[in-house]
Amino acid sequence: MKQNWYKILAVVLLTYVVIWGFLGRIPRQPVLHETARNLYFHVPMWFAMFAMLSVSVWNSIQYLRNPLMSFDDKASEYANTGIVFGIVGIATGSVWARYTWGTWWTNDVKLNGAAIGLLIYFAYIILRGSFTDEQQRARISAIYNIFAVALLIPLLIILPRMTDSLHPGNGGNPGFKPMDTEHTMRIVFYPACIGWICLAFWITSLRLRIRKLIALNQD
């Protein structure tokens, strides 16, 4: 039970988020209207992605300090899960953009930054597949992973705040906080972030178990 607490938390929180996210009351906001409920699904995907990529790069650093393949396995799988959540984040954002900005994609600095960030991590997957020597693959991938995260932070966090952006809370646009005076959205948004992050850890733990089973069968 102690090892499964985050799985139980993920189920409980995401059940709450799905039910209350669709049925709960939200502030009336111009342009956004009911699409504002996507805040509970789109934004937490990026939180989960950053959480997974942060754990991934931590394991890459640990590998460079102590070259154990277990660190490389974790770095790889946490990065894979982060990429999946990043793809879902872009997909849900594109749907949201279609109903609020009138287009699936626009020349917005945050959208382009997210796309570039994912391409950087797609290159990480390709890089890992281009080596046959495990130690060489792990070492070079670990170094690349550190630089990839270093590039992702300015692309998604710094640049959108310094330039014009359509995203709420960026480029001078007001965020949701001033509009949510009764905290009706925050009581769903924060649990959503925690729930999706817990789900991401759950998915990664399953992938790591599968990787171990494959390695045992090969032996």
N, C-alpha and C. Protein backbone atom coordinates (compact mmCIF):
# COMPACT_ATOMS: atom_id res chain seq x y z
N MET A 1 0.82 -1.20 0.00
CA MET A 1 0.00 0.00 0.00
C MET A 1 0.86 1.26 0.00
N LYS A 2 1.99 1.24 0.75
CA LYS A 2 2.85 2.40 0.82
C LYS A 2 3.44 2.73 -0.54
N GLN A 3 3.70 1.71 -1.36
CA GLN A 3 4.28 1.93 -2.68
C GLN A 3 3.24 2.39 -3.70
N ASN A 4 1.98 2.18 -3.39
CA ASN A 4 0.92 2.48 -4.35
C ASN A 4 0.12 3.73 -4.00
N TRP A 5 0.59 4.51 -3.02
CA TRP A 5 -0.20 5.66 -2.57
C TRP A 5 -0.44 6.67 -3.70
N TYR A 6 0.59 6.89 -4.55
CA TYR A 6 0.43 7.89 -5.62
C TYR A 6 -0.52 7.39 -6.71
N LYS A 7 -0.64 6.06 -6.85
CA LYS A 7 -1.58 5.52 -7.82
C LYS A 7 -3.01 5.74 -7.35
N ILE A 8 -3.24 5.49 -6.06
CA ILE A 8 -4.56 5.73 -5.48
C ILE A 8 -4.90 7.22 -5.56
N LEU A 9 -3.90 8.06 -5.26
CA LEU A 9 -4.12 9.51 -5.32
C LEU A 9 -4.45 9.94 -6.74
N ALA A 10 -3.78 9.36 -7.73
CA ALA A 10 -4.06 9.69 -9.13
C ALA A 10 -5.50 9.36 -9.50
N VAL A 11 -5.96 8.17 -9.11
CA VAL A 11 -7.34 7.76 -9.43
C VAL A 11 -8.35 8.67 -8.76
N VAL A 12 -8.14 8.96 -7.49
CA VAL A 12 -9.08 9.79 -6.73
C VAL A 12 -9.13 11.21 -7.30
N LEU A 13 -7.96 11.81 -7.50
CA LEU A 13 -7.92 13.20 -7.97
C LEU A 13 -8.44 13.35 -9.40
N LEU A 14 -8.07 12.44 -10.28
CA LEU A 14 -8.51 12.57 -11.67
C LEU A 14 -9.99 12.26 -11.83
N THR A 15 -10.52 11.38 -10.99
CA THR A 15 -11.98 11.16 -10.99
C THR A 15 -12.69 12.45 -10.59
N TYR A 16 -12.17 13.09 -9.55
CA TYR A 16 -12.72 14.37 -9.10
C TYR A 16 -12.60 15.43 -10.19
N VAL A 17 -11.45 15.50 -10.84
CA VAL A 17 -11.21 16.51 -11.87
C VAL A 17 -12.15 16.32 -13.05
N VAL A 18 -12.31 15.08 -13.50
CA VAL A 18 -13.18 14.83 -14.66
C VAL A 18 -14.63 15.18 -14.33
N ILE A 19 -15.11 14.75 -13.17
CA ILE A 19 -16.50 15.01 -12.80
C ILE A 19 -16.73 16.49 -12.55
N TRP A 20 -15.93 17.07 -11.65
CA TRP A 20 -16.15 18.47 -11.29
C TRP A 20 -15.69 19.41 -12.41
N GLY A 21 -14.71 18.95 -13.21
CA GLY A 21 -14.23 19.77 -14.31
C GLY A 21 -15.28 19.99 -15.37
N PHE A 22 -16.12 18.99 -15.60
CA PHE A 22 -17.18 19.12 -16.62
C PHE A 22 -18.49 19.64 -16.04
N LEU A 23 -18.75 19.36 -14.78
CA LEU A 23 -20.05 19.71 -14.20
C LEU A 23 -20.00 20.91 -13.26
N GLY A 24 -18.82 21.24 -12.75
CA GLY A 24 -18.70 22.34 -11.80
C GLY A 24 -18.89 23.70 -12.46
N ARG A 25 -19.17 24.69 -11.63
CA ARG A 25 -19.37 26.05 -12.13
C ARG A 25 -18.03 26.72 -12.36
N ILE A 26 -17.95 27.50 -13.44
CA ILE A 26 -16.73 28.25 -13.74
C ILE A 26 -17.11 29.71 -13.97
N PRO A 27 -16.16 30.64 -13.78
CA PRO A 27 -16.46 32.06 -14.02
C PRO A 27 -16.78 32.30 -15.49
N ARG A 28 -17.71 33.20 -15.74
CA ARG A 28 -18.04 33.56 -17.12
C ARG A 28 -16.95 34.46 -17.67
N GLN A 29 -16.29 34.04 -18.72
CA GLN A 29 -15.20 34.80 -19.30
C GLN A 29 -15.45 35.02 -20.79
N PRO A 30 -15.25 36.24 -21.26
CA PRO A 30 -15.46 36.49 -22.69
C PRO A 30 -14.50 35.69 -23.54
N VAL A 31 -14.96 35.32 -24.72
CA VAL A 31 -14.21 34.54 -25.71
C VAL A 31 -14.05 33.08 -25.28
N LEU A 32 -13.58 32.83 -24.04
CA LEU A 32 -13.32 31.47 -23.60
C LEU A 32 -14.59 30.69 -23.33
N HIS A 33 -15.52 31.30 -22.57
CA HIS A 33 -16.78 30.64 -22.21
C HIS A 33 -16.52 29.25 -21.62
N GLU A 34 -17.20 28.22 -22.12
CA GLU A 34 -17.07 26.88 -21.55
C GLU A 34 -15.73 26.22 -21.87
N THR A 35 -15.02 26.74 -22.89
CA THR A 35 -13.72 26.15 -23.22
C THR A 35 -12.69 26.36 -22.11
N ALA A 36 -13.00 27.26 -21.17
CA ALA A 36 -12.08 27.49 -20.05
C ALA A 36 -11.86 26.22 -19.23
N ARG A 37 -12.79 25.27 -19.33
CA ARG A 37 -12.64 24.01 -18.60
C ARG A 37 -11.41 23.23 -19.07
N ASN A 38 -10.94 23.54 -20.25
CA ASN A 38 -9.73 22.87 -20.76
C ASN A 38 -8.51 23.21 -19.92
N LEU A 39 -8.62 24.24 -19.08
CA LEU A 39 -7.54 24.58 -18.16
C LEU A 39 -7.18 23.38 -17.28
N TYR A 40 -8.18 22.55 -16.94
CA TYR A 40 -7.96 21.40 -16.06
C TYR A 40 -7.23 20.25 -16.76
N PHE A 41 -7.16 20.31 -18.08
CA PHE A 41 -6.58 19.21 -18.84
C PHE A 41 -5.34 19.65 -19.63
N HIS A 42 -5.41 20.81 -20.27
CA HIS A 42 -4.30 21.28 -21.10
C HIS A 42 -3.09 21.69 -20.27
N VAL A 43 -3.27 22.60 -19.35
CA VAL A 43 -2.14 23.13 -18.58
C VAL A 43 -1.47 22.07 -17.70
N PRO A 44 -2.23 21.21 -16.99
CA PRO A 44 -1.57 20.18 -16.18
C PRO A 44 -0.70 19.23 -17.00
N MET A 45 -0.98 19.08 -18.29
CA MET A 45 -0.12 18.24 -19.13
C MET A 45 1.30 18.77 -19.16
N TRP A 46 1.43 20.09 -19.20
CA TRP A 46 2.75 20.70 -19.21
C TRP A 46 3.43 20.56 -17.86
N PHE A 47 2.65 20.67 -16.78
CA PHE A 47 3.22 20.44 -15.45
C PHE A 47 3.76 19.02 -15.35
N ALA A 48 2.96 18.06 -15.83
CA ALA A 48 3.39 16.65 -15.80
C ALA A 48 4.62 16.44 -16.68
N MET A 49 4.64 17.09 -17.84
CA MET A 49 5.78 16.96 -18.74
C MET A 49 7.05 17.48 -18.07
N PHE A 50 6.98 18.67 -17.47
CA PHE A 50 8.15 19.24 -16.81
C PHE A 50 8.59 18.37 -15.63
N ALA A 51 7.63 17.81 -14.91
CA ALA A 51 7.99 16.93 -13.79
C ALA A 51 8.75 15.71 -14.28
N MET A 52 8.26 15.09 -15.36
CA MET A 52 8.92 13.90 -15.90
C MET A 52 10.29 14.23 -16.48
N LEU A 53 10.40 15.33 -17.19
CA LEU A 53 11.68 15.69 -17.79
C LEU A 53 12.69 16.10 -16.72
N SER A 54 12.20 16.69 -15.62
CA SER A 54 13.10 17.05 -14.52
C SER A 54 13.66 15.81 -13.85
N VAL A 55 12.81 14.81 -13.62
CA VAL A 55 13.29 13.55 -13.04
C VAL A 55 14.23 12.85 -14.01
N SER A 56 13.91 12.96 -15.31
CA SER A 56 14.77 12.34 -16.33
C SER A 56 16.17 12.93 -16.31
N VAL A 57 16.26 14.26 -16.28
CA VAL A 57 17.58 14.89 -16.31
C VAL A 57 18.32 14.65 -15.00
N TRP A 58 17.60 14.54 -13.89
CA TRP A 58 18.25 14.21 -12.62
C TRP A 58 18.91 12.83 -12.71
N ASN A 59 18.22 11.87 -13.32
CA ASN A 59 18.80 10.54 -13.49
C ASN A 59 19.97 10.56 -14.47
N SER A 60 19.90 11.44 -15.47
CA SER A 60 21.03 11.57 -16.39
C SER A 60 22.26 12.09 -15.66
N ILE A 61 22.06 13.06 -14.78
CA ILE A 61 23.17 13.59 -13.99
C ILE A 61 23.73 12.50 -13.07
N GLN A 62 22.83 11.72 -12.47
CA GLN A 62 23.28 10.63 -11.61
C GLN A 62 24.09 9.59 -12.39
N TYR A 63 23.68 9.36 -13.64
CA TYR A 63 24.43 8.40 -14.46
C TYR A 63 25.84 8.91 -14.73
N LEU A 64 25.97 10.21 -15.03
CA LEU A 64 27.30 10.76 -15.30
C LEU A 64 28.19 10.70 -14.06
N ARG A 65 27.58 10.77 -12.90
CA ARG A 65 28.34 10.67 -11.65
C ARG A 65 28.66 9.21 -11.30
N ASN A 66 27.70 8.33 -11.60
CA ASN A 66 27.87 6.91 -11.26
C ASN A 66 27.22 6.09 -12.38
N PRO A 67 28.00 5.62 -13.36
CA PRO A 67 27.45 5.02 -14.58
C PRO A 67 26.77 3.66 -14.38
N LEU A 68 25.61 3.69 -13.73
CA LEU A 68 24.79 2.50 -13.59
C LEU A 68 23.67 2.56 -14.63
N MET A 69 23.41 1.43 -15.29
CA MET A 69 22.40 1.41 -16.35
C MET A 69 21.00 1.68 -15.81
N SER A 70 20.78 1.44 -14.52
CA SER A 70 19.46 1.73 -13.95
C SER A 70 19.14 3.22 -14.04
N PHE A 71 20.14 4.07 -13.89
CA PHE A 71 19.93 5.51 -14.03
C PHE A 71 19.59 5.87 -15.48
N ASP A 72 20.27 5.23 -16.42
CA ASP A 72 19.98 5.49 -17.84
C ASP A 72 18.58 5.02 -18.20
N ASP A 73 18.18 3.86 -17.68
CA ASP A 73 16.82 3.36 -17.95
C ASP A 73 15.77 4.35 -17.46
N LYS A 74 15.98 4.86 -16.25
CA LYS A 74 15.02 5.81 -15.68
C LYS A 74 15.01 7.12 -16.47
N ALA A 75 16.20 7.59 -16.85
CA ALA A 75 16.27 8.82 -17.64
C ALA A 75 15.50 8.67 -18.95
N SER A 76 15.67 7.53 -19.59
CA SER A 76 15.01 7.28 -20.86
C SER A 76 13.49 7.20 -20.71
N GLU A 77 13.02 6.43 -19.73
CA GLU A 77 11.58 6.22 -19.59
C GLU A 77 10.86 7.45 -19.08
N TYR A 78 11.48 8.19 -18.18
CA TYR A 78 10.84 9.43 -17.72
C TYR A 78 10.77 10.44 -18.86
N ALA A 79 11.79 10.47 -19.70
CA ALA A 79 11.76 11.35 -20.87
C ALA A 79 10.66 10.93 -21.84
N ASN A 80 10.51 9.62 -22.05
CA ASN A 80 9.47 9.12 -22.95
C ASN A 80 8.08 9.53 -22.46
N THR A 81 7.85 9.37 -21.16
CA THR A 81 6.55 9.76 -20.61
C THR A 81 6.35 11.27 -20.73
N GLY A 82 7.40 12.04 -20.47
CA GLY A 82 7.30 13.49 -20.62
C GLY A 82 6.95 13.90 -22.03
N ILE A 83 7.53 13.22 -23.01
CA ILE A 83 7.23 13.50 -24.41
C ILE A 83 5.76 13.22 -24.72
N VAL A 84 5.25 12.11 -24.20
CA VAL A 84 3.83 11.77 -24.42
C VAL A 84 2.93 12.86 -23.86
N PHE A 85 3.20 13.32 -22.66
CA PHE A 85 2.38 14.37 -22.06
C PHE A 85 2.55 15.69 -22.81
N GLY A 86 3.74 15.93 -23.36
CA GLY A 86 3.94 17.12 -24.17
C GLY A 86 3.11 17.07 -25.45
N ILE A 87 3.03 15.90 -26.07
CA ILE A 87 2.21 15.75 -27.28
C ILE A 87 0.74 15.98 -26.96
N VAL A 88 0.28 15.40 -25.84
CA VAL A 88 -1.13 15.61 -25.43
C VAL A 88 -1.36 17.07 -25.10
N GLY A 89 -0.35 17.73 -24.49
CA GLY A 89 -0.47 19.15 -24.18
C GLY A 89 -0.65 19.99 -25.43
N ILE A 90 0.12 19.69 -26.47
CA ILE A 90 -0.01 20.43 -27.73
C ILE A 90 -1.36 20.13 -28.39
N ALA A 91 -1.80 18.87 -28.34
CA ALA A 91 -3.07 18.49 -28.96
C ALA A 91 -4.25 19.19 -28.29
N THR A 92 -4.28 19.17 -26.95
CA THR A 92 -5.37 19.84 -26.24
C THR A 92 -5.30 21.36 -26.43
N GLY A 93 -4.10 21.90 -26.53
CA GLY A 93 -3.95 23.33 -26.79
C GLY A 93 -4.42 23.71 -28.18
N SER A 94 -4.16 22.83 -29.15
CA SER A 94 -4.59 23.11 -30.51
C SER A 94 -6.12 23.12 -30.63
N VAL A 95 -6.75 22.16 -29.94
CA VAL A 95 -8.22 22.14 -29.93
C VAL A 95 -8.77 23.40 -29.27
N TRP A 96 -8.16 23.79 -28.17
CA TRP A 96 -8.57 25.01 -27.46
C TRP A 96 -8.42 26.24 -28.35
N ALA A 97 -7.28 26.31 -29.08
CA ALA A 97 -7.03 27.44 -29.97
C ALA A 97 -8.09 27.52 -31.08
N ARG A 98 -8.52 26.35 -31.54
CA ARG A 98 -9.51 26.33 -32.62
C ARG A 98 -10.81 26.99 -32.20
N TYR A 99 -11.21 26.80 -30.96
CA TYR A 99 -12.48 27.34 -30.50
C TYR A 99 -12.38 28.72 -29.87
N THR A 100 -11.17 29.20 -29.59
CA THR A 100 -11.03 30.53 -29.00
C THR A 100 -10.34 31.52 -29.93
N TRP A 101 -9.32 31.07 -30.64
CA TRP A 101 -8.61 31.95 -31.56
C TRP A 101 -9.03 31.75 -33.01
N GLY A 102 -9.84 30.72 -33.27
CA GLY A 102 -10.36 30.49 -34.61
C GLY A 102 -9.44 29.72 -35.54
N THR A 103 -8.35 29.16 -35.01
CA THR A 103 -7.42 28.40 -35.84
C THR A 103 -6.76 27.32 -35.00
N TRP A 104 -6.36 26.23 -35.65
CA TRP A 104 -5.72 25.14 -34.93
C TRP A 104 -4.30 25.52 -34.48
N TRP A 105 -3.68 26.42 -35.23
CA TRP A 105 -2.30 26.80 -34.92
C TRP A 105 -2.11 28.26 -35.35
N THR A 106 -1.34 28.99 -34.58
CA THR A 106 -1.04 30.37 -34.92
C THR A 106 0.41 30.66 -34.61
N ASN A 107 0.91 31.75 -35.13
CA ASN A 107 2.32 32.08 -34.94
C ASN A 107 2.54 32.71 -33.57
N ASP A 108 2.26 31.92 -32.54
CA ASP A 108 2.41 32.36 -31.16
C ASP A 108 3.73 31.82 -30.62
N VAL A 109 4.44 32.65 -29.87
CA VAL A 109 5.78 32.27 -29.42
C VAL A 109 5.75 31.04 -28.52
N LYS A 110 4.70 30.89 -27.73
CA LYS A 110 4.64 29.73 -26.84
C LYS A 110 4.31 28.46 -27.61
N LEU A 111 3.42 28.56 -28.59
CA LEU A 111 3.11 27.40 -29.42
C LEU A 111 4.35 26.93 -30.18
N ASN A 112 5.04 27.89 -30.80
CA ASN A 112 6.24 27.52 -31.55
C ASN A 112 7.33 26.98 -30.64
N GLY A 113 7.45 27.57 -29.45
CA GLY A 113 8.44 27.09 -28.49
C GLY A 113 8.15 25.67 -28.05
N ALA A 114 6.86 25.36 -27.83
CA ALA A 114 6.47 24.00 -27.45
C ALA A 114 6.79 23.00 -28.57
N ALA A 115 6.53 23.41 -29.81
CA ALA A 115 6.82 22.53 -30.95
C ALA A 115 8.32 22.28 -31.08
N ILE A 116 9.12 23.34 -30.92
CA ILE A 116 10.58 23.19 -31.00
C ILE A 116 11.08 22.30 -29.86
N GLY A 117 10.51 22.51 -28.66
CA GLY A 117 10.91 21.69 -27.51
C GLY A 117 10.66 20.22 -27.74
N LEU A 118 9.50 19.89 -28.32
CA LEU A 118 9.21 18.49 -28.61
C LEU A 118 10.14 17.93 -29.68
N LEU A 119 10.47 18.74 -30.68
CA LEU A 119 11.40 18.28 -31.71
C LEU A 119 12.77 17.98 -31.11
N ILE A 120 13.17 18.78 -30.13
CA ILE A 120 14.45 18.54 -29.44
C ILE A 120 14.42 17.17 -28.76
N TYR A 121 13.28 16.83 -28.16
CA TYR A 121 13.20 15.54 -27.47
C TYR A 121 12.94 14.39 -28.43
N PHE A 122 12.33 14.66 -29.58
CA PHE A 122 12.26 13.62 -30.60
C PHE A 122 13.68 13.26 -31.06
N ALA A 123 14.53 14.28 -31.16
CA ALA A 123 15.93 14.04 -31.52
C ALA A 123 16.63 13.21 -30.44
N TYR A 124 16.22 13.39 -29.18
CA TYR A 124 16.78 12.59 -28.08
C TYR A 124 16.47 11.11 -28.29
N ILE A 125 15.23 10.81 -28.71
CA ILE A 125 14.84 9.42 -28.97
C ILE A 125 15.66 8.85 -30.13
N ILE A 126 15.79 9.65 -31.20
CA ILE A 126 16.55 9.20 -32.37
C ILE A 126 18.02 8.98 -31.99
N LEU A 127 18.55 9.89 -31.17
CA LEU A 127 19.94 9.77 -30.74
C LEU A 127 20.18 8.46 -29.98
N ARG A 128 19.25 8.13 -29.09
CA ARG A 128 19.40 6.89 -28.32
C ARG A 128 19.36 5.67 -29.23
N GLY A 129 18.59 5.74 -30.28
CA GLY A 129 18.48 4.60 -31.18
C GLY A 129 19.63 4.46 -32.16
N SER A 130 20.53 5.43 -32.16
CA SER A 130 21.62 5.41 -33.14
C SER A 130 22.89 4.76 -32.61
N PHE A 131 22.87 4.30 -31.34
CA PHE A 131 24.05 3.67 -30.74
C PHE A 131 23.75 2.21 -30.41
N THR A 132 24.73 1.37 -30.62
CA THR A 132 24.60 -0.03 -30.24
C THR A 132 25.30 -0.31 -28.90
N ASP A 133 26.33 0.45 -28.61
CA ASP A 133 27.04 0.30 -27.33
C ASP A 133 26.24 0.98 -26.22
N GLU A 134 25.87 0.22 -25.19
CA GLU A 134 25.00 0.73 -24.14
C GLU A 134 25.63 1.88 -23.36
N GLN A 135 26.88 1.72 -22.99
CA GLN A 135 27.55 2.76 -22.19
C GLN A 135 27.71 4.05 -22.99
N GLN A 136 28.07 3.93 -24.24
CA GLN A 136 28.23 5.11 -25.08
C GLN A 136 26.89 5.80 -25.28
N ARG A 137 25.84 5.01 -25.55
CA ARG A 137 24.50 5.57 -25.71
C ARG A 137 24.05 6.30 -24.44
N ALA A 138 24.27 5.66 -23.31
CA ALA A 138 23.82 6.25 -22.05
C ALA A 138 24.57 7.54 -21.75
N ARG A 139 25.88 7.57 -21.99
CA ARG A 139 26.69 8.74 -21.67
C ARG A 139 26.34 9.93 -22.56
N ILE A 140 26.26 9.70 -23.87
CA ILE A 140 25.96 10.80 -24.80
C ILE A 140 24.52 11.27 -24.62
N SER A 141 23.60 10.33 -24.38
CA SER A 141 22.19 10.69 -24.16
C SER A 141 22.03 11.52 -22.89
N ALA A 142 22.80 11.20 -21.86
CA ALA A 142 22.73 11.94 -20.61
C ALA A 142 23.17 13.39 -20.81
N ILE A 143 24.25 13.58 -21.56
CA ILE A 143 24.73 14.93 -21.84
C ILE A 143 23.71 15.70 -22.67
N TYR A 144 23.16 15.05 -23.69
CA TYR A 144 22.15 15.69 -24.54
C TYR A 144 20.92 16.06 -23.71
N ASN A 145 20.52 15.18 -22.81
CA ASN A 145 19.33 15.41 -21.99
C ASN A 145 19.47 16.67 -21.14
N ILE A 146 20.65 16.91 -20.61
CA ILE A 146 20.89 18.11 -19.79
C ILE A 146 20.72 19.37 -20.63
N PHE A 147 21.29 19.37 -21.83
CA PHE A 147 21.16 20.54 -22.70
C PHE A 147 19.73 20.71 -23.20
N ALA A 148 19.01 19.60 -23.40
CA ALA A 148 17.63 19.67 -23.88
C ALA A 148 16.74 20.39 -22.87
N VAL A 149 16.87 20.04 -21.59
CA VAL A 149 16.08 20.72 -20.55
C VAL A 149 16.48 22.18 -20.44
N ALA A 150 17.77 22.47 -20.57
CA ALA A 150 18.25 23.85 -20.51
C ALA A 150 17.65 24.69 -21.63
N LEU A 151 17.38 24.09 -22.78
CA LEU A 151 16.77 24.81 -23.90
C LEU A 151 15.26 24.93 -23.72
N LEU A 152 14.65 23.94 -23.09
CA LEU A 152 13.20 23.92 -22.95
C LEU A 152 12.70 25.04 -22.03
N ILE A 153 13.45 25.35 -21.00
CA ILE A 153 13.01 26.36 -20.03
C ILE A 153 12.84 27.74 -20.68
N PRO A 154 13.83 28.26 -21.42
CA PRO A 154 13.59 29.55 -22.07
C PRO A 154 12.52 29.50 -23.14
N LEU A 155 12.41 28.37 -23.84
CA LEU A 155 11.41 28.26 -24.91
C LEU A 155 9.98 28.35 -24.39
N LEU A 156 9.71 27.74 -23.24
CA LEU A 156 8.34 27.66 -22.75
C LEU A 156 8.03 28.61 -21.60
N ILE A 157 9.03 29.09 -20.91
CA ILE A 157 8.77 29.91 -19.73
C ILE A 157 9.25 31.35 -19.89
N ILE A 158 10.49 31.53 -20.36
CA ILE A 158 11.08 32.86 -20.38
C ILE A 158 10.64 33.68 -21.59
N LEU A 159 10.82 33.15 -22.80
CA LEU A 159 10.51 33.92 -24.01
C LEU A 159 9.05 34.35 -24.10
N PRO A 160 8.06 33.48 -23.78
CA PRO A 160 6.66 33.93 -23.86
C PRO A 160 6.33 35.10 -22.92
N ARG A 161 7.07 35.24 -21.84
CA ARG A 161 6.83 36.35 -20.91
C ARG A 161 7.53 37.63 -21.35
N MET A 162 8.47 37.50 -22.25
CA MET A 162 9.23 38.67 -22.71
C MET A 162 8.68 39.23 -24.02
N THR A 163 7.85 38.48 -24.73
CA THR A 163 7.33 38.90 -26.03
C THR A 163 5.81 38.83 -26.02
N ASP A 164 5.21 39.27 -27.11
CA ASP A 164 3.75 39.21 -27.25
C ASP A 164 3.32 37.76 -27.40
N SER A 165 2.29 37.38 -26.63
CA SER A 165 1.77 36.02 -26.70
C SER A 165 0.26 36.06 -26.46
N LEU A 166 -0.45 35.19 -27.16
CA LEU A 166 -1.90 35.09 -26.98
C LEU A 166 -2.27 34.34 -25.72
N HIS A 167 -1.34 33.61 -25.15
CA HIS A 167 -1.63 32.78 -23.99
C HIS A 167 -1.94 33.64 -22.76
N PRO A 168 -2.95 33.27 -21.98
CA PRO A 168 -3.21 33.97 -20.73
C PRO A 168 -2.01 33.92 -19.80
N GLY A 169 -1.70 35.07 -19.19
CA GLY A 169 -0.58 35.13 -18.27
C GLY A 169 0.76 35.36 -18.94
N ASN A 170 0.76 35.53 -20.26
CA ASN A 170 2.00 35.76 -21.00
C ASN A 170 1.84 36.98 -21.91
N GLY A 171 2.94 37.66 -22.16
CA GLY A 171 2.91 38.78 -23.09
C GLY A 171 1.97 39.89 -22.69
N GLY A 172 1.73 40.08 -21.42
CA GLY A 172 0.84 41.14 -20.96
C GLY A 172 -0.61 40.73 -20.86
N ASN A 173 -0.97 39.54 -21.35
CA ASN A 173 -2.35 39.07 -21.24
C ASN A 173 -2.64 38.65 -19.80
N PRO A 174 -3.82 39.00 -19.27
CA PRO A 174 -4.14 38.59 -17.90
C PRO A 174 -4.35 37.09 -17.81
N GLY A 175 -3.94 36.50 -16.70
CA GLY A 175 -4.15 35.07 -16.49
C GLY A 175 -5.52 34.80 -15.92
N PHE A 176 -5.74 33.57 -15.47
CA PHE A 176 -7.04 33.18 -14.93
C PHE A 176 -7.22 33.65 -13.49
N LYS A 177 -6.14 33.90 -12.79
CA LYS A 177 -6.23 34.20 -11.36
C LYS A 177 -7.10 35.41 -11.05
N PRO A 178 -6.96 36.57 -11.75
CA PRO A 178 -7.82 37.70 -11.44
C PRO A 178 -9.30 37.45 -11.72
N MET A 179 -9.60 36.53 -12.65
CA MET A 179 -10.99 36.23 -13.01
C MET A 179 -11.63 35.24 -12.05
N ASP A 180 -10.81 34.41 -11.41
CA ASP A 180 -11.32 33.35 -10.55
C ASP A 180 -11.39 33.85 -9.10
N THR A 181 -12.19 34.89 -8.89
CA THR A 181 -12.24 35.53 -7.57
C THR A 181 -12.85 34.62 -6.51
N GLU A 182 -13.70 33.68 -6.92
CA GLU A 182 -14.35 32.77 -5.96
C GLU A 182 -13.60 31.45 -5.82
N HIS A 183 -12.47 31.33 -6.47
CA HIS A 183 -11.61 30.14 -6.39
C HIS A 183 -12.30 28.87 -6.90
N THR A 184 -13.30 29.03 -7.76
CA THR A 184 -14.01 27.86 -8.26
C THR A 184 -13.15 27.04 -9.23
N MET A 185 -12.21 27.68 -9.90
CA MET A 185 -11.35 26.96 -10.83
C MET A 185 -10.12 26.41 -10.13
N ARG A 186 -9.62 27.13 -9.14
CA ARG A 186 -8.42 26.69 -8.45
C ARG A 186 -8.62 25.38 -7.69
N ILE A 187 -9.83 25.18 -7.17
CA ILE A 187 -10.08 23.95 -6.40
C ILE A 187 -10.13 22.72 -7.29
N VAL A 188 -10.15 22.94 -8.59
CA VAL A 188 -10.07 21.83 -9.55
C VAL A 188 -8.70 21.80 -10.22
N PHE A 189 -8.17 22.99 -10.51
CA PHE A 189 -6.91 23.08 -11.25
C PHE A 189 -5.74 22.47 -10.48
N TYR A 190 -5.59 22.82 -9.22
CA TYR A 190 -4.46 22.29 -8.45
C TYR A 190 -4.53 20.77 -8.26
N PRO A 191 -5.69 20.22 -7.92
CA PRO A 191 -5.78 18.75 -7.88
C PRO A 191 -5.50 18.12 -9.24
N ALA A 192 -5.88 18.81 -10.33
CA ALA A 192 -5.62 18.28 -11.67
C ALA A 192 -4.12 18.17 -11.92
N CYS A 193 -3.38 19.19 -11.53
CA CYS A 193 -1.92 19.16 -11.72
C CYS A 193 -1.30 18.00 -10.95
N ILE A 194 -1.71 17.83 -9.70
CA ILE A 194 -1.17 16.74 -8.88
C ILE A 194 -1.59 15.39 -9.45
N GLY A 195 -2.85 15.28 -9.84
CA GLY A 195 -3.36 14.01 -10.36
C GLY A 195 -2.66 13.58 -11.64
N TRP A 196 -2.48 14.50 -12.59
CA TRP A 196 -1.83 14.14 -13.85
C TRP A 196 -0.35 13.81 -13.63
N ILE A 197 0.30 14.50 -12.70
CA ILE A 197 1.70 14.18 -12.40
C ILE A 197 1.80 12.78 -11.79
N CYS A 198 0.88 12.46 -10.88
CA CYS A 198 0.87 11.11 -10.29
C CYS A 198 0.64 10.05 -11.35
N LEU A 199 -0.27 10.35 -12.30
CA LEU A 199 -0.51 9.40 -13.40
C LEU A 199 0.74 9.23 -14.24
N ALA A 200 1.47 10.31 -14.47
CA ALA A 200 2.70 10.23 -15.26
C ALA A 200 3.73 9.33 -14.56
N PHE A 201 3.87 9.47 -13.24
CA PHE A 201 4.78 8.60 -12.50
C PHE A 201 4.31 7.14 -12.58
N TRP A 202 3.02 6.93 -12.54
CA TRP A 202 2.46 5.58 -12.63
C TRP A 202 2.80 4.96 -13.98
N ILE A 203 2.57 5.71 -15.05
CA ILE A 203 2.88 5.21 -16.39
C ILE A 203 4.35 4.85 -16.51
N THR A 204 5.21 5.72 -15.97
CA THR A 204 6.66 5.48 -16.06
C THR A 204 7.05 4.24 -15.27
N SER A 205 6.45 4.05 -14.10
CA SER A 205 6.77 2.86 -13.30
C SER A 205 6.41 1.59 -14.05
N LEU A 206 5.30 1.61 -14.78
CA LEU A 206 4.91 0.45 -15.58
C LEU A 206 5.90 0.21 -16.72
N ARG A 207 6.33 1.27 -17.37
CA ARG A 207 7.30 1.14 -18.46
C ARG A 207 8.64 0.60 -17.96
N LEU A 208 9.04 1.02 -16.77
CA LEU A 208 10.29 0.51 -16.21
C LEU A 208 10.17 -0.97 -15.86
N ARG A 209 9.02 -1.38 -15.36
CA ARG A 209 8.81 -2.80 -15.07
C ARG A 209 8.83 -3.63 -16.34
N ILE A 210 8.23 -3.12 -17.40
CA ILE A 210 8.25 -3.83 -18.69
C ILE A 210 9.68 -3.95 -19.20
N ARG A 211 10.45 -2.87 -19.05
CA ARG A 211 11.85 -2.89 -19.49
C ARG A 211 12.65 -3.95 -18.74
N LYS A 212 12.40 -4.08 -17.45
CA LYS A 212 13.11 -5.09 -16.64
C LYS A 212 12.72 -6.49 -17.07
N LEU A 213 11.43 -6.71 -17.36
CA LEU A 213 10.97 -8.03 -17.80
C LEU A 213 11.60 -8.41 -19.14
N ILE A 214 11.70 -7.44 -20.05
CA ILE A 214 12.32 -7.70 -21.34
C ILE A 214 13.79 -8.06 -21.17
N ALA A 215 14.47 -7.33 -20.26
CA ALA A 215 15.89 -7.62 -20.00
C ALA A 215 16.07 -9.01 -19.40
N LEU A 216 15.17 -9.42 -18.52
CA LEU A 216 15.25 -10.75 -17.92
C LEU A 216 15.04 -11.84 -18.96
N ASN A 217 14.09 -11.63 -19.88
CA ASN A 217 13.82 -12.61 -20.93
C ASN A 217 14.99 -12.74 -21.90
N GLN A 218 15.68 -11.62 -22.14
CA GLN A 218 16.83 -11.67 -23.04
C GLN A 218 18.01 -12.40 -22.42
N ASP A 219 18.11 -12.30 -21.07
CA ASP A 219 19.17 -13.02 -20.38
C ASP A 219 18.91 -14.53 -20.39
